[in-house]
N, C-alpha and C. Protein backbone atom coordinates (compact mmCIF):
# COMPACT_ATOMS: atom_id res chain seq x y z
N MET A 1 0.91 -1.23 -0.09
CA MET A 1 -0.01 -0.02 -0.01
C MET A 1 0.89 1.18 -0.03
N GLU A 2 0.52 2.23 -0.86
CA GLU A 2 1.37 3.49 -0.91
C GLU A 2 0.76 4.50 -0.03
N PHE A 3 1.64 5.24 0.59
CA PHE A 3 1.30 6.43 1.43
C PHE A 3 1.97 7.65 0.97
N GLU A 4 1.32 8.76 0.93
CA GLU A 4 1.80 10.00 0.53
C GLU A 4 2.10 10.85 1.69
N LEU A 5 3.18 11.50 1.66
CA LEU A 5 3.63 12.48 2.74
C LEU A 5 2.94 13.74 2.41
N LYS A 6 2.18 14.29 3.37
CA LYS A 6 1.57 15.60 3.24
C LYS A 6 2.10 16.50 4.37
N ASN A 7 2.27 17.79 4.01
CA ASN A 7 2.49 18.81 4.92
C ASN A 7 1.19 19.45 5.21
N LEU A 8 0.83 19.37 6.60
CA LEU A 8 -0.52 19.79 6.99
C LEU A 8 -0.44 21.39 7.43
N GLY A 9 0.68 21.87 7.25
CA GLY A 9 0.85 23.29 7.80
C GLY A 9 1.72 23.32 8.99
N SER A 10 2.38 24.55 9.11
CA SER A 10 3.27 24.61 10.31
C SER A 10 4.23 23.49 10.34
N ASP A 11 4.26 22.84 11.59
CA ASP A 11 5.12 21.63 11.80
C ASP A 11 4.36 20.39 11.83
N ALA A 12 3.10 20.27 11.19
CA ALA A 12 2.25 19.08 11.14
C ALA A 12 2.41 18.41 9.78
N PHE A 13 2.52 17.06 9.92
CA PHE A 13 2.66 16.36 8.69
C PHE A 13 1.83 15.00 8.85
N ALA A 14 1.68 14.24 7.78
CA ALA A 14 0.96 12.98 7.79
C ALA A 14 1.40 12.11 6.58
N PHE A 15 1.32 10.83 6.78
CA PHE A 15 1.19 9.85 5.72
C PHE A 15 -0.14 9.49 5.50
N VAL A 16 -0.69 9.67 4.15
CA VAL A 16 -2.08 9.31 4.07
C VAL A 16 -2.16 8.27 2.85
N HIS A 17 -3.30 7.58 2.84
CA HIS A 17 -3.67 6.64 1.76
C HIS A 17 -5.00 7.20 1.29
N GLU A 18 -5.13 7.24 -0.08
CA GLU A 18 -6.37 7.70 -0.60
C GLU A 18 -6.83 6.70 -1.71
N LYS A 19 -8.08 6.48 -1.77
CA LYS A 19 -8.63 5.56 -2.80
C LYS A 19 -9.86 6.20 -3.34
N ASP A 20 -10.03 6.31 -4.61
CA ASP A 20 -11.06 6.87 -5.40
C ASP A 20 -11.38 8.31 -4.88
N GLY A 21 -10.29 9.05 -4.61
CA GLY A 21 -10.42 10.48 -4.10
C GLY A 21 -10.76 10.67 -2.68
N LYS A 22 -10.89 9.49 -1.99
CA LYS A 22 -11.26 9.59 -0.56
C LYS A 22 -10.05 9.15 0.33
N GLN A 23 -9.84 9.89 1.43
CA GLN A 23 -8.72 9.53 2.27
C GLN A 23 -9.27 8.43 3.24
N ASP A 24 -8.65 7.30 3.28
CA ASP A 24 -9.11 6.23 4.12
C ASP A 24 -8.15 5.75 5.14
N ALA A 25 -7.02 6.36 5.23
CA ALA A 25 -6.06 6.05 6.38
C ALA A 25 -5.06 7.16 6.41
N GLU A 26 -4.63 7.36 7.69
CA GLU A 26 -3.55 8.37 7.96
C GLU A 26 -2.97 8.20 9.33
N ILE A 27 -1.76 8.72 9.40
CA ILE A 27 -1.01 8.79 10.55
C ILE A 27 -0.25 10.13 10.53
N THR A 28 -0.46 10.93 11.70
CA THR A 28 -0.17 12.34 11.70
C THR A 28 0.74 12.57 12.92
N TRP A 29 1.59 13.56 12.70
CA TRP A 29 2.57 14.02 13.70
C TRP A 29 2.90 15.51 13.72
N THR A 30 3.41 15.97 14.75
CA THR A 30 3.97 17.36 14.79
C THR A 30 5.43 17.25 14.92
N LEU A 31 6.26 17.88 14.19
CA LEU A 31 7.69 17.69 14.27
C LEU A 31 8.21 18.82 15.19
N MET A 32 8.73 18.36 16.25
CA MET A 32 9.33 19.31 17.33
C MET A 32 10.86 19.02 17.48
N GLY A 33 11.53 19.94 16.69
CA GLY A 33 12.99 19.73 16.74
C GLY A 33 13.30 18.49 15.85
N ASP A 34 13.88 17.47 16.46
CA ASP A 34 14.25 16.23 15.69
C ASP A 34 13.27 15.12 16.32
N VAL A 35 12.15 15.41 16.91
CA VAL A 35 11.28 14.55 17.41
C VAL A 35 9.84 14.52 16.65
N MET A 36 9.40 13.40 16.14
CA MET A 36 8.05 13.33 15.54
C MET A 36 7.16 12.93 16.67
N VAL A 37 6.24 13.86 17.09
CA VAL A 37 5.28 13.58 18.10
C VAL A 37 4.01 12.96 17.40
N MET A 38 3.91 11.69 17.48
CA MET A 38 2.85 10.94 16.80
C MET A 38 1.54 11.11 17.59
N ASP A 39 0.69 11.76 16.95
CA ASP A 39 -0.58 12.20 17.72
C ASP A 39 -1.90 11.53 17.19
N HIS A 40 -1.89 10.87 16.03
CA HIS A 40 -3.18 10.40 15.57
C HIS A 40 -3.00 9.36 14.52
N THR A 41 -3.84 8.26 14.53
CA THR A 41 -3.78 7.22 13.44
C THR A 41 -5.24 6.96 13.16
N TYR A 42 -5.56 6.86 11.96
CA TYR A 42 -7.01 6.59 11.60
C TYR A 42 -6.90 5.53 10.38
N VAL A 43 -7.74 4.61 10.46
CA VAL A 43 -7.97 3.64 9.42
C VAL A 43 -9.47 3.47 9.29
N ASP A 44 -9.95 3.63 8.03
CA ASP A 44 -11.35 3.52 7.69
C ASP A 44 -11.84 2.09 8.11
N PRO A 45 -13.00 2.00 8.62
CA PRO A 45 -13.56 0.66 8.92
C PRO A 45 -13.49 -0.43 7.78
N SER A 46 -13.56 0.00 6.64
CA SER A 46 -13.42 -1.05 5.41
C SER A 46 -12.02 -1.54 5.40
N LEU A 47 -11.02 -1.00 6.00
CA LEU A 47 -9.62 -1.55 5.83
C LEU A 47 -9.04 -2.09 7.18
N ARG A 48 -9.93 -2.02 8.28
CA ARG A 48 -9.46 -2.55 9.50
C ARG A 48 -9.32 -4.07 9.48
N GLY A 49 -8.31 -4.51 10.19
CA GLY A 49 -7.93 -5.87 10.34
C GLY A 49 -6.97 -6.36 9.17
N GLU A 50 -6.50 -5.36 8.36
CA GLU A 50 -5.61 -5.72 7.35
C GLU A 50 -4.15 -5.20 7.62
N GLY A 51 -3.91 -4.67 8.86
CA GLY A 51 -2.57 -4.23 9.15
C GLY A 51 -2.27 -2.90 8.71
N VAL A 52 -3.19 -2.20 8.26
CA VAL A 52 -2.92 -0.84 7.66
C VAL A 52 -2.25 0.11 8.64
N ALA A 53 -2.71 0.08 10.00
CA ALA A 53 -2.23 0.99 10.94
C ALA A 53 -0.73 0.71 11.16
N LYS A 54 -0.35 -0.59 11.19
CA LYS A 54 1.01 -0.85 11.36
C LYS A 54 1.78 -0.47 10.09
N GLN A 55 1.19 -0.64 8.97
CA GLN A 55 1.97 -0.13 7.69
C GLN A 55 2.17 1.27 7.65
N LEU A 56 1.18 2.02 8.13
CA LEU A 56 1.45 3.58 8.39
C LEU A 56 2.52 3.82 9.20
N LEU A 57 2.51 3.17 10.49
CA LEU A 57 3.59 3.41 11.50
C LEU A 57 4.82 3.02 10.96
N ASP A 58 4.99 1.92 10.14
CA ASP A 58 6.20 1.44 9.59
C ASP A 58 6.82 2.53 8.67
N ARG A 59 5.90 3.10 7.83
CA ARG A 59 6.27 4.10 6.93
C ARG A 59 6.84 5.39 7.65
N ALA A 60 6.13 5.73 8.67
CA ALA A 60 6.52 6.88 9.59
C ALA A 60 7.84 6.60 10.13
N ALA A 61 8.08 5.31 10.56
CA ALA A 61 9.34 5.00 11.37
C ALA A 61 10.45 5.02 10.25
N GLU A 62 10.28 4.63 9.11
CA GLU A 62 11.15 4.64 7.94
C GLU A 62 11.61 6.08 7.69
N HIS A 63 10.58 6.95 7.63
CA HIS A 63 10.82 8.44 7.48
C HIS A 63 11.66 9.03 8.62
N ALA A 64 11.35 8.59 9.84
CA ALA A 64 12.23 9.01 10.98
C ALA A 64 13.62 8.65 10.81
N ARG A 65 13.82 7.35 10.46
CA ARG A 65 15.18 6.88 10.30
C ARG A 65 15.91 7.53 9.23
N GLU A 66 15.23 7.78 8.03
CA GLU A 66 15.78 8.48 6.93
C GLU A 66 16.36 9.86 7.37
N HIS A 67 15.68 10.63 8.22
CA HIS A 67 16.01 11.94 8.56
C HIS A 67 16.59 12.02 9.88
N GLY A 68 16.94 11.03 10.62
CA GLY A 68 17.61 11.19 11.89
C GLY A 68 16.62 11.53 13.06
N TYR A 69 15.35 11.33 12.90
CA TYR A 69 14.39 11.72 13.88
C TYR A 69 14.17 10.59 14.94
N LYS A 70 13.66 11.00 16.08
CA LYS A 70 13.06 10.07 17.08
C LYS A 70 11.55 10.21 16.99
N MET A 71 10.87 9.26 17.53
CA MET A 71 9.40 9.28 17.57
C MET A 71 8.96 9.32 19.05
N GLU A 72 7.98 10.12 19.29
CA GLU A 72 7.33 10.10 20.67
C GLU A 72 5.86 9.71 20.45
N ALA A 73 5.56 8.71 21.24
CA ALA A 73 4.14 8.14 21.09
C ALA A 73 3.15 8.87 21.94
N VAL A 74 2.14 9.50 21.32
CA VAL A 74 1.09 10.10 22.01
C VAL A 74 -0.21 9.39 21.70
N CYS A 75 -0.38 9.09 20.33
CA CYS A 75 -1.57 8.37 19.90
C CYS A 75 -1.62 7.00 20.52
N SER A 76 -2.79 6.62 20.84
CA SER A 76 -2.97 5.29 21.61
C SER A 76 -2.49 4.07 20.79
N TYR A 77 -2.72 4.09 19.57
CA TYR A 77 -2.15 3.06 18.58
C TYR A 77 -0.70 2.97 18.68
N VAL A 78 0.07 4.12 18.64
CA VAL A 78 1.51 4.09 18.54
C VAL A 78 1.95 3.75 19.85
N VAL A 79 1.35 4.19 20.92
CA VAL A 79 1.76 3.70 22.37
C VAL A 79 1.71 2.28 22.48
N THR A 80 0.69 1.64 21.99
CA THR A 80 0.58 0.14 22.02
C THR A 80 1.50 -0.50 21.13
N ALA A 81 1.77 0.06 19.93
CA ALA A 81 2.77 -0.72 19.01
C ALA A 81 4.14 -0.59 19.55
N PHE A 82 4.45 0.48 20.17
CA PHE A 82 5.81 0.62 20.76
C PHE A 82 6.04 -0.29 21.89
N LYS A 83 4.98 -0.66 22.65
CA LYS A 83 5.07 -1.63 23.68
C LYS A 83 5.21 -3.12 23.08
N ARG A 84 4.48 -3.24 22.09
CA ARG A 84 4.31 -4.66 21.48
C ARG A 84 5.48 -5.06 20.54
N TYR A 85 5.95 -4.13 19.85
CA TYR A 85 6.96 -4.46 18.78
C TYR A 85 8.25 -3.81 19.14
N PRO A 86 9.35 -4.69 19.20
CA PRO A 86 10.73 -4.01 19.41
C PRO A 86 11.23 -3.39 18.19
N ASP A 87 10.56 -3.47 17.00
CA ASP A 87 11.08 -2.83 15.80
C ASP A 87 11.40 -1.47 15.84
N TYR A 88 10.68 -0.67 16.93
CA TYR A 88 10.81 0.68 17.02
C TYR A 88 11.82 1.25 18.10
N ASP A 89 12.42 0.30 18.68
CA ASP A 89 13.22 0.72 19.89
C ASP A 89 14.31 1.83 19.53
N ASP A 90 14.84 1.62 18.31
CA ASP A 90 15.97 2.60 17.96
C ASP A 90 15.52 3.95 17.75
N ILE A 91 14.17 4.16 17.49
CA ILE A 91 13.69 5.55 17.17
C ILE A 91 12.93 6.19 18.31
N LYS A 92 12.64 5.43 19.38
CA LYS A 92 11.81 5.94 20.55
C LYS A 92 12.37 7.19 21.17
N ALA A 93 11.73 8.15 21.40
CA ALA A 93 12.29 9.45 22.06
C ALA A 93 12.32 9.15 23.52
């Protein structure tokens, strides 16, 4: 699944997925210095159970690594994923 990086204005960013002109998945953050404060994850009910939220987080983590950022979990999904998967230990703020 492909995700597009969007600048939401100021220091807010998102990776989003759109299908048929409708946004059906997103993960958003505010960039504070070199820390991505992960504040929201949304997946449309039609996509739930397919691992889309983890794919979004994986793409955001890849972005963090590419730019030397850390990630701070605020969103409940990201908090849970950070506890569940050791994949993100290297980028936790």
